Structure formats: C-alpha cells, structure tokens
Amino acid sequence: VKMSAYLTPPTSTWTAESLFPTLSSCLDIVVRVSSPFVKMSAYLKKLDDFLAEKNPVTDVLSQIESKTSVKKQHQAFAIIGIVLLWFIIGYGASLLCSVIGFIYPAYRSLKALESSETSDDRVWLVYWVVYAFFNFGEFFSDILLSWIPFYYLLKCAFLIWCMMPGPANGSMILYDRVIRPVFLQHEKDIDRLASKTVDSAKDLSSEAQSLAKSASEQVTEMATQEAIRQVQENMNKDKDA
C-alpha cells in the first residue's frame, strides 16, 4: 500500500497557465537583483567615456599611465577612494567639496560657452541656479547640517548627482520639478519686488550722491574761508611789521 502511494501520480498537474505566474515572479526577481549591476555598468561606461576625452585631467592620467603602466581607470578608482577617505576623515572636507562642486562645472561651463552647441548651455545654467539655491539654504542651516555624520560626503554626492550627464542629471530634475514651477507661480511677485528693490537702490544712490556733493561743497567752502583767513592774517602781520 505504501509503495502504491508513492507510485501513484499526483492529482494536480502543472499547466502552462500555472507556470506563467511563477516564471513572471522569477524574472521580476532577476531584474531587480541585476538592476544595480546594470546601472553600475552604465556608470563605468560613462567613466570610460570621460577618460577617453581630451582634457587636462585625462592628459595628467595619461602621463602617469605612460610612466607607471597603471591604467587610467585604476587611477580614477584610486582617486575616488582617496576622496571618499578624505570625506570620512573630515579634515578639509568642506574645501574639497567646494572645489569639486565648482571647478569641474566652471570648466564645463566655459567649454559650453565656447562651443557652437546650445543644448549644453542650458544644462550648466540650470546647474548654477540649483547651486546658488543650495548655497543660499546651506548658509542659514550650516550650523545644523555640520552635525550630520558624513555631511560633506553627502553634499559631494549631491553635487555630483547635480552635474551628472544624461537624464539622471539632478539639477535638471530639481529645476523642472521644484524650482521652475515655484518660480513661474510667483514670477510676477518676484519681478515686482525686484523692481521695488532697484528703485529703492536708485533713490538711495541719488540721496548718497546729493549728500556727498553737499558735503564736498561745504568742505570746499570751509577750506576756502580758512585759506582767506590765513592770507588776511599774514597780510596784517606784514603791515604791523
């Protein structure tokens, strides 16, 4: 009886319809597991494309490669590791983060201005807008943000995300989804406030000029009177002598 129970085929049979959900879930798991590796390979491809370009950074890396036989990609990984360690230690991290967030974008902005293409001009203009808003917010919250562990590492990662090429460019995402809608909603109020500020500055400037003019006239008049008085005193002394 026990042997017949083992030899008896199961009552439920596997059908193609029952296999589809299982295969679909397996494929979904495979896609989710492999997606980070696909993104990593895309980032490595972008790094290779950057290292293949002709610029001062790649020129230095090429010279090091010719002298030490260390590939440029390995040098880039070493530099990234040193920078990460520097951020973790924290000494001089603020200066290094400012250099990373300013030097490379400034270089790319100059290249965009001197090139005939206009698409990259908007990308870097948007980056500087986001960079200005970020620095403005950081100025008022620097005391609180400095207590966050690895804050400068997070800041550097944010700035690198903002300057990344392609659809993952963080500055374009923040501008299109946050800054631009708010600006378009309050554009008239901002223009009105800016106009009032300019008019007030002009009034202050004219008042300052008038005050400076009147003060200079008074000083000139006082100096002239003093000079006349000195001359008269000298003439009286000569007459008495």
C-alpha atoms as a PDB file:
ATOM      1  CA  VAL A   1       0.000   0.000   0.000  1.00  0.00           C
ATOM      2  CA  LYS A   2       2.797   2.389   0.888  1.00  0.00           C
ATOM      3  CA  MET A   3       4.625   1.593  -2.371  1.00  0.00           C
ATOM      4  CA  SER A   4       1.460   2.165  -4.377  1.00  0.00           C
ATOM      5  CA  ALA A   5       1.017   5.510  -2.691  1.00  0.00           C
ATOM      6  CA  TYR A   6       4.474   6.600  -3.833  1.00  0.00           C
ATOM      7  CA  LEU A   7       3.893   5.300  -7.357  1.00  0.00           C
ATOM      8  CA  THR A   8       0.525   6.986  -7.717  1.00  0.00           C
ATOM      9  CA  PRO A   9       0.904  10.225  -9.769  1.00  0.00           C
ATOM     10  CA  PRO A  10      -0.225  13.417  -8.100  1.00  0.00           C
ATOM     11  CA  THR A  11      -3.731  14.530  -8.722  1.00  0.00           C
ATOM     12  CA  SER A  12      -2.717  18.135  -9.531  1.00  0.00           C
ATOM     13  CA  THR A  13      -0.922  18.619 -12.830  1.00  0.00           C
ATOM     14  CA  TRP A  14       1.354  21.515 -13.905  1.00  0.00           C
ATOM     15  CA  THR A  15      -0.133  23.526 -16.741  1.00  0.00           C
ATOM     16  CA  ALA A  16       1.261  26.385 -18.798  1.00  0.00           C
ATOM     17  CA  GLU A  17      -1.181  28.774 -17.115  1.00  0.00           C
ATOM     18  CA  SER A  18       0.091  27.811 -13.652  1.00  0.00           C
ATOM     19  CA  LEU A  19       3.719  28.169 -14.739  1.00  0.00           C
ATOM     20  CA  PHE A  20       3.364  31.751 -16.041  1.00  0.00           C
ATOM     21  CA  PRO A  21       2.971  33.436 -12.620  1.00  0.00           C
ATOM     22  CA  THR A  22       5.956  31.529 -11.273  1.00  0.00           C
ATOM     23  CA  LEU A  23       8.125  32.420 -14.265  1.00  0.00           C
ATOM     24  CA  SER A  24       6.979  36.041 -14.101  1.00  0.00           C
ATOM     25  CA  SER A  25       7.896  36.356 -10.429  1.00  0.00           C
ATOM     26  CA  CYS A  26      11.274  34.718 -11.056  1.00  0.00           C
ATOM     27  CA  LEU A  27      12.004  37.110 -13.908  1.00  0.00           C
ATOM     28  CA  ASP A  28      10.944  40.051 -11.724  1.00  0.00           C
ATOM     29  CA  ILE A  29      13.372  38.924  -9.015  1.00  0.00           C
ATOM     30  CA  VAL A  30      16.170  38.527 -11.565  1.00  0.00           C
ATOM     31  CA  VAL A  31      15.528  42.015 -12.960  1.00  0.00           C
ATOM     32  CA  ARG A  32      15.503  43.597  -9.509  1.00  0.00           C
ATOM     33  CA  VAL A  33      18.703  41.850  -8.475  1.00  0.00           C
ATOM     34  CA  SER A  34      20.526  42.666 -11.689  1.00  0.00           C
ATOM     35  CA  SER A  35      19.365  46.292 -11.994  1.00  0.00           C
ATOM     36  CA  PRO A  36      22.103  47.684  -9.668  1.00  0.00           C
ATOM     37  CA  PHE A  37      24.744  45.874 -11.707  1.00  0.00           C
ATOM     38  CA  VAL A  38      23.260  47.233 -14.937  1.00  0.00           C
ATOM     39  CA  LYS A  39      23.362  50.765 -13.505  1.00  0.00           C
ATOM     40  CA  MET A  40      26.919  50.217 -12.299  1.00  0.00           C
ATOM     41  CA  SER A  41      27.985  49.089 -15.766  1.00  0.00           C
ATOM     42  CA  ALA A  42      26.361  52.203 -17.226  1.00  0.00           C
ATOM     43  CA  TYR A  43      28.285  54.403 -14.795  1.00  0.00           C
ATOM     44  CA  LEU A  44      31.511  52.581 -15.652  1.00  0.00           C
ATOM     45  CA  LYS A  45      30.768  53.174 -19.331  1.00  0.00           C
ATOM     46  CA  LYS A  46      30.354  56.906 -18.630  1.00  0.00           C
ATOM     47  CA  LEU A  47      33.619  56.902 -16.686  1.00  0.00           C
ATOM     48  CA  ASP A  48      35.382  55.222 -19.610  1.00  0.00           C
ATOM     49  CA  ASP A  49      33.904  57.798 -21.996  1.00  0.00           C
ATOM     50  CA  PHE A  50      35.154  60.626 -19.778  1.00  0.00           C
ATOM     51  CA  LEU A  51      38.622  59.090 -19.555  1.00  0.00           C
ATOM     52  CA  ALA A  52      38.685  58.778 -23.339  1.00  0.00           C
ATOM     53  CA  GLU A  53      38.094  62.513 -23.767  1.00  0.00           C
ATOM     54  CA  LYS A  54      40.868  65.028 -24.311  1.00  0.00           C
ATOM     55  CA  ASN A  55      41.083  67.350 -21.288  1.00  0.00           C
ATOM     56  CA  PRO A  56      43.682  68.408 -18.688  1.00  0.00           C
ATOM     57  CA  VAL A  57      42.636  65.645 -16.255  1.00  0.00           C
ATOM     58  CA  THR A  58      42.984  62.839 -18.781  1.00  0.00           C
ATOM     59  CA  ASP A  59      46.276  64.313 -20.003  1.00  0.00           C
ATOM     60  CA  VAL A  60      47.735  64.015 -16.497  1.00  0.00           C
ATOM     61  CA  LEU A  61      46.339  60.498 -16.111  1.00  0.00           C
ATOM     62  CA  SER A  62      47.825  59.508 -19.491  1.00  0.00           C
ATOM     63  CA  GLN A  63      51.251  60.759 -18.416  1.00  0.00           C
ATOM     64  CA  ILE A  64      51.011  58.760 -15.190  1.00  0.00           C
ATOM     65  CA  GLU A  65      49.922  55.692 -17.169  1.00  0.00           C
ATOM     66  CA  SER A  66      52.879  56.010 -19.550  1.00  0.00           C
ATOM     67  CA  LYS A  67      55.343  56.209 -16.647  1.00  0.00           C
ATOM     68  CA  THR A  68      53.806  53.683 -14.230  1.00  0.00           C
ATOM     69  CA  SER A  69      51.792  51.374 -16.553  1.00  0.00           C
ATOM     70  CA  VAL A  70      48.760  51.908 -14.291  1.00  0.00           C
ATOM     71  CA  LYS A  71      45.590  52.213 -16.345  1.00  0.00           C
ATOM     72  CA  LYS A  72      43.620  55.429 -16.209  1.00  0.00           C
ATOM     73  CA  GLN A  73      40.550  53.608 -14.921  1.00  0.00           C
ATOM     74  CA  HIS A  74      42.525  52.205 -11.980  1.00  0.00           C
ATOM     75  CA  GLN A  75      43.923  55.670 -11.271  1.00  0.00           C
ATOM     76  CA  ALA A  76      40.375  57.057 -11.277  1.00  0.00           C
ATOM     77  CA  PHE A  77      39.263  54.377  -8.787  1.00  0.00           C
ATOM     78  CA  ALA A  78      42.239  55.206  -6.559  1.00  0.00           C
ATOM     79  CA  ILE A  79      41.423  58.923  -6.677  1.00  0.00           C
ATOM     80  CA  ILE A  80      37.776  58.215  -5.851  1.00  0.00           C
ATOM     81  CA  GLY A  81      38.848  56.036  -2.918  1.00  0.00           C
ATOM     82  CA  ILE A  82      41.196  58.733  -1.584  1.00  0.00           C
ATOM     83  CA  VAL A  83      38.467  61.367  -1.901  1.00  0.00           C
ATOM     84  CA  LEU A  84      35.966  59.147  -0.057  1.00  0.00           C
ATOM     85  CA  LEU A  85      38.500  58.504   2.701  1.00  0.00           C
ATOM     86  CA  TRP A  86      39.187  62.223   2.923  1.00  0.00           C
ATOM     87  CA  PHE A  87      35.474  62.932   3.327  1.00  0.00           C
ATOM     88  CA  ILE A  88      35.149  60.241   6.008  1.00  0.00           C
ATOM     89  CA  ILE A  89      38.079  61.657   7.987  1.00  0.00           C
ATOM     90  CA  GLY A  90      36.564  65.130   7.647  1.00  0.00           C
ATOM     91  CA  TYR A  91      39.756  67.237   7.653  1.00  0.00           C
ATOM     92  CA  GLY A  92      39.458  69.847   4.882  1.00  0.00           C
ATOM     93  CA  ALA A  93      36.304  68.169   3.558  1.00  0.00           C
ATOM     94  CA  SER A  94      34.485  71.495   3.193  1.00  0.00           C
ATOM     95  CA  LEU A  95      37.204  72.932   0.946  1.00  0.00           C
ATOM     96  CA  LEU A  96      37.442  69.754  -1.137  1.00  0.00           C
ATOM     97  CA  CYS A  97      33.669  69.626  -1.563  1.00  0.00           C
ATOM     98  CA  SER A  98      33.600  73.252  -2.704  1.00  0.00           C
ATOM     99  CA  VAL A  99      36.381  72.563  -5.208  1.00  0.00           C
ATOM    100  CA  ILE A 100      34.530  69.544  -6.635  1.00  0.00           C
ATOM    101  CA  GLY A 101      31.265  71.470  -6.863  1.00  0.00           C
ATOM    102  CA  PHE A 102      32.855  74.494  -8.538  1.00  0.00           C
ATOM    103  CA  ILE A 103      35.978  73.664 -10.578  1.00  0.00           C
ATOM    104  CA  TYR A 104      34.599  70.994 -12.924  1.00  0.00           C
ATOM    105  CA  PRO A 105      31.248  72.768 -13.551  1.00  0.00           C
ATOM    106  CA  ALA A 106      33.113  76.030 -14.207  1.00  0.00           C
ATOM    107  CA  TYR A 107      35.347  74.242 -16.725  1.00  0.00           C
ATOM    108  CA  ARG A 108      32.363  72.617 -18.448  1.00  0.00           C
ATOM    109  CA  SER A 109      30.527  75.948 -18.494  1.00  0.00           C
ATOM    110  CA  LEU A 110      33.461  77.610 -20.260  1.00  0.00           C
ATOM    111  CA  LYS A 111      33.537  74.754 -22.774  1.00  0.00           C
ATOM    112  CA  ALA A 112      29.794  75.160 -23.338  1.00  0.00           C
ATOM    113  CA  LEU A 113      30.147  78.904 -23.916  1.00  0.00           C
ATOM    114  CA  GLU A 114      32.915  78.400 -26.478  1.00  0.00           C
ATOM    115  CA  SER A 115      31.148  75.586 -28.349  1.00  0.00           C
ATOM    116  CA  SER A 116      28.617  76.021 -31.148  1.00  0.00           C
ATOM    117  CA  GLU A 117      26.097  73.727 -29.422  1.00  0.00           C
ATOM    118  CA  THR A 118      23.389  75.385 -27.332  1.00  0.00           C
ATOM    119  CA  SER A 119      21.891  72.355 -25.555  1.00  0.00           C
ATOM    120  CA  ASP A 120      24.711  72.139 -23.014  1.00  0.00           C
ATOM    121  CA  ASP A 121      24.380  75.863 -22.209  1.00  0.00           C
ATOM    122  CA  ARG A 122      21.008  75.291 -20.560  1.00  0.00           C
ATOM    123  CA  VAL A 123      22.325  72.290 -18.619  1.00  0.00           C
ATOM    124  CA  TRP A 124      25.065  74.275 -16.924  1.00  0.00           C
ATOM    125  CA  LEU A 125      22.906  77.373 -16.426  1.00  0.00           C
ATOM    126  CA  VAL A 126      20.429  75.165 -14.590  1.00  0.00           C
ATOM    127  CA  TYR A 127      23.268  73.679 -12.536  1.00  0.00           C
ATOM    128  CA  TRP A 128      24.398  77.126 -11.358  1.00  0.00           C
ATOM    129  CA  VAL A 129      20.819  78.049 -10.462  1.00  0.00           C
ATOM    130  CA  VAL A 130      20.496  74.915  -8.312  1.00  0.00           C
ATOM    131  CA  TYR A 131      23.974  75.501  -6.880  1.00  0.00           C
ATOM    132  CA  ALA A 132      23.002  79.061  -5.879  1.00  0.00           C
ATOM    133  CA  PHE A 133      19.807  77.885  -4.165  1.00  0.00           C
ATOM    134  CA  PHE A 134      21.718  75.131  -2.372  1.00  0.00           C
ATOM    135  CA  ASN A 135      24.399  77.527  -1.105  1.00  0.00           C
ATOM    136  CA  PHE A 136      21.733  80.011  -0.009  1.00  0.00           C
ATOM    137  CA  GLY A 137      19.949  77.331   2.025  1.00  0.00           C
ATOM    138  CA  GLU A 138      23.208  75.961   3.375  1.00  0.00           C
ATOM    139  CA  PHE A 139      24.282  79.406   4.598  1.00  0.00           C
ATOM    140  CA  PHE A 140      21.340  79.585   7.031  1.00  0.00           C
ATOM    141  CA  SER A 141      21.450  75.929   8.113  1.00  0.00           C
ATOM    142  CA  ASP A 142      25.187  75.285   8.163  1.00  0.00           C
ATOM    143  CA  ILE A 143      25.348  75.029  11.952  1.00  0.00           C
ATOM    144  CA  LEU A 144      22.726  72.271  11.989  1.00  0.00           C
ATOM    145  CA  LEU A 145      23.931  70.459   8.874  1.00  0.00           C
ATOM    146  CA  SER A 146      27.528  70.251  10.114  1.00  0.00           C
ATOM    147  CA  TRP A 147      26.379  67.899  12.885  1.00  0.00           C
ATOM    148  CA  ILE A 148      25.085  65.321  10.382  1.00  0.00           C
ATOM    149  CA  PRO A 149      27.543  62.384  10.102  1.00  0.00           C
ATOM    150  CA  PHE A 150      29.414  62.378   6.786  1.00  0.00           C
ATOM    151  CA  TYR A 151      27.616  65.565   5.770  1.00  0.00           C
ATOM    152  CA  TYR A 152      30.305  66.676   3.323  1.00  0.00           C
ATOM    153  CA  LEU A 153      30.342  63.243   1.725  1.00  0.00           C
ATOM    154  CA  LEU A 154      26.579  63.508   1.214  1.00  0.00           C
ATOM    155  CA  LYS A 155      26.990  67.064  -0.077  1.00  0.00           C
ATOM    156  CA  CYS A 156      29.629  65.974  -2.564  1.00  0.00           C
ATOM    157  CA  ALA A 157      27.422  63.100  -3.732  1.00  0.00           C
ATOM    158  CA  PHE A 158      24.547  65.568  -4.174  1.00  0.00           C
ATOM    159  CA  LEU A 159      26.682  67.956  -6.244  1.00  0.00           C
ATOM    160  CA  ILE A 160      27.997  65.099  -8.391  1.00  0.00           C
ATOM    161  CA  TRP A 161      24.402  63.983  -8.931  1.00  0.00           C
ATOM    162  CA  CYS A 162      23.544  67.538  -9.996  1.00  0.00           C
ATOM    163  CA  MET A 163      26.281  67.565 -12.632  1.00  0.00           C
ATOM    164  CA  MET A 164      25.782  64.036 -13.966  1.00  0.00           C
ATOM    165  CA  PRO A 165      25.195  63.839 -17.725  1.00  0.00           C
ATOM    166  CA  GLY A 166      22.074  62.353 -19.231  1.00  0.00           C
ATOM    167  CA  PRO A 167      18.515  62.009 -17.917  1.00  0.00           C
ATOM    168  CA  ALA A 168      19.791  61.333 -14.368  1.00  0.00           C
ATOM    169  CA  ASN A 169      21.091  64.910 -14.098  1.00  0.00           C
ATOM    170  CA  GLY A 170      19.979  66.041 -10.652  1.00  0.00           C
ATOM    171  CA  SER A 171      19.991  69.759 -11.366  1.00  0.00           C
ATOM    172  CA  MET A 172      17.580  69.330 -14.289  1.00  0.00           C
ATOM    173  CA  ILE A 173      15.303  67.133 -12.165  1.00  0.00           C
ATOM    174  CA  LEU A 174      15.239  69.644  -9.279  1.00  0.00           C
ATOM    175  CA  TYR A 175      14.763  72.587 -11.625  1.00  0.00           C
ATOM    176  CA  ASP A 176      11.924  71.039 -13.639  1.00  0.00           C
ATOM    177  CA  ARG A 177      10.092  69.591 -10.634  1.00  0.00           C
ATOM    178  CA  VAL A 178      10.709  72.160  -7.868  1.00  0.00           C
ATOM    179  CA  ILE A 179      12.359  75.463  -8.819  1.00  0.00           C
ATOM    180  CA  ARG A 180      10.676  76.158 -12.163  1.00  0.00           C
ATOM    181  CA  PRO A 181       7.051  75.566 -11.004  1.00  0.00           C
ATOM    182  CA  VAL A 182       7.569  77.741  -7.916  1.00  0.00           C
ATOM    183  CA  PHE A 183       9.260  80.458  -9.973  1.00  0.00           C
ATOM    184  CA  LEU A 184       6.517  80.521 -12.624  1.00  0.00           C
ATOM    185  CA  GLN A 185       3.860  80.668  -9.907  1.00  0.00           C
ATOM    186  CA  HIS A 186       5.449  83.678  -8.175  1.00  0.00           C
ATOM    187  CA  GLU A 187       7.245  85.276 -11.146  1.00  0.00           C
ATOM    188  CA  LYS A 188       5.145  88.471 -11.150  1.00  0.00           C
ATOM    189  CA  ASP A 189       5.603  88.974  -7.404  1.00  0.00           C
ATOM    190  CA  ILE A 190       9.349  88.439  -7.730  1.00  0.00           C
ATOM    191  CA  ASP A 191       9.562  90.918 -10.619  1.00  0.00           C
ATOM    192  CA  ARG A 192       7.555  93.456  -8.625  1.00  0.00           C
ATOM    193  CA  LEU A 193       9.802  93.031  -5.588  1.00  0.00           C
ATOM    194  CA  ALA A 194      12.935  93.248  -7.742  1.00  0.00           C
ATOM    195  CA  SER A 195      11.627  96.444  -9.374  1.00  0.00           C
ATOM    196  CA  LYS A 196      10.933  97.996  -5.971  1.00  0.00           C
ATOM    197  CA  THR A 197      14.383  96.986  -4.775  1.00  0.00           C
ATOM    198  CA  VAL A 198      16.025  98.565  -7.823  1.00  0.00           C
ATOM    199  CA  ASP A 199      14.003 101.761  -7.390  1.00  0.00           C
ATOM    200  CA  SER A 200      14.921 101.918  -3.702  1.00  0.00           C
ATOM    201  CA  ALA A 201      18.577 101.362  -4.572  1.00  0.00           C
ATOM    202  CA  LYS A 202      18.400 104.171  -7.134  1.00  0.00           C
ATOM    203  CA  ASP A 203      16.808 106.500  -4.586  1.00  0.00           C
ATOM    204  CA  LEU A 204      19.462 105.636  -2.012  1.00  0.00           C
ATOM    205  CA  SER A 205      22.183 106.155  -4.587  1.00  0.00           C
ATOM    206  CA  SER A 206      20.818 109.574  -5.582  1.00  0.00           C
ATOM    207  CA  GLU A 207      20.485 110.589  -1.943  1.00  0.00           C
ATOM    208  CA  ALA A 208      24.026 109.441  -1.238  1.00  0.00           C
ATOM    209  CA  GLN A 209      25.308 111.384  -4.242  1.00  0.00           C
ATOM    210  CA  SER A 210      23.483 114.534  -3.157  1.00  0.00           C
ATOM    211  CA  LEU A 211      24.795 114.192   0.400  1.00  0.00           C
ATOM    212  CA  ALA A 212      28.317 113.637  -0.884  1.00  0.00           C
ATOM    213  CA  LYS A 213      28.009 116.640  -3.188  1.00  0.00           C
ATOM    214  CA  SER A 214      26.741 118.919  -0.424  1.00  0.00           C
ATOM    215  CA  ALA A 215      29.422 117.658   1.962  1.00  0.00           C
ATOM    216  CA  SER A 216      32.155 118.299  -0.610  1.00  0.00           C
ATOM    217  CA  GLU A 217      30.771 121.798  -1.242  1.00  0.00           C
ATOM    218  CA  GLN A 218      30.766 122.538   2.476  1.00  0.00           C
ATOM    219  CA  VAL A 219      34.309 121.246   2.868  1.00  0.00           C
ATOM    220  CA  THR A 220      35.457 123.292  -0.133  1.00  0.00           C
ATOM    221  CA  GLU A 221      33.762 126.400   1.236  1.00  0.00           C
ATOM    222  CA  MET A 222      35.270 125.908   4.693  1.00  0.00           C
ATOM    223  CA  ALA A 223      38.725 125.316   3.204  1.00  0.00           C
ATOM    224  CA  THR A 224      38.407 128.444   1.058  1.00  0.00           C
ATOM    225  CA  GLN A 225      37.345 130.560   4.034  1.00  0.00           C
ATOM    226  CA  GLU A 226      40.182 129.184   6.119  1.00  0.00           C
ATOM    227  CA  ALA A 227      42.673 129.951   3.355  1.00  0.00           C
ATOM    228  CA  ILE A 228      41.329 133.515   3.027  1.00  0.00           C
ATOM    229  CA  ARG A 229      41.551 133.970   6.766  1.00  0.00           C
ATOM    230  CA  GLN A 230      45.154 132.744   6.823  1.00  0.00           C
ATOM    231  CA  VAL A 231      46.069 135.100   3.987  1.00  0.00           C
ATOM    232  CA  GLN A 232      44.451 138.048   5.760  1.00  0.00           C
ATOM    233  CA  GLU A 233      46.274 137.230   8.998  1.00  0.00           C
ATOM    234  CA  ASN A 234      49.596 137.075   7.158  1.00  0.00           C
ATOM    235  CA  MET A 235      48.911 140.394   5.450  1.00  0.00           C
ATOM    236  CA  ASN A 236      48.045 142.019   8.800  1.00  0.00           C
ATOM    237  CA  LYS A 237      51.262 140.650  10.312  1.00  0.00           C
ATOM    238  CA  ASP A 238      53.264 142.105   7.404  1.00  0.00           C
ATOM    239  CA  LYS A 239      51.611 145.504   7.889  1.00  0.00           C
ATOM    240  CA  ASP A 240      52.342 145.502  11.624  1.00  0.00           C
ATOM    241  CA  ALA A 241      55.968 144.550  10.914  1.00  0.00           C
END
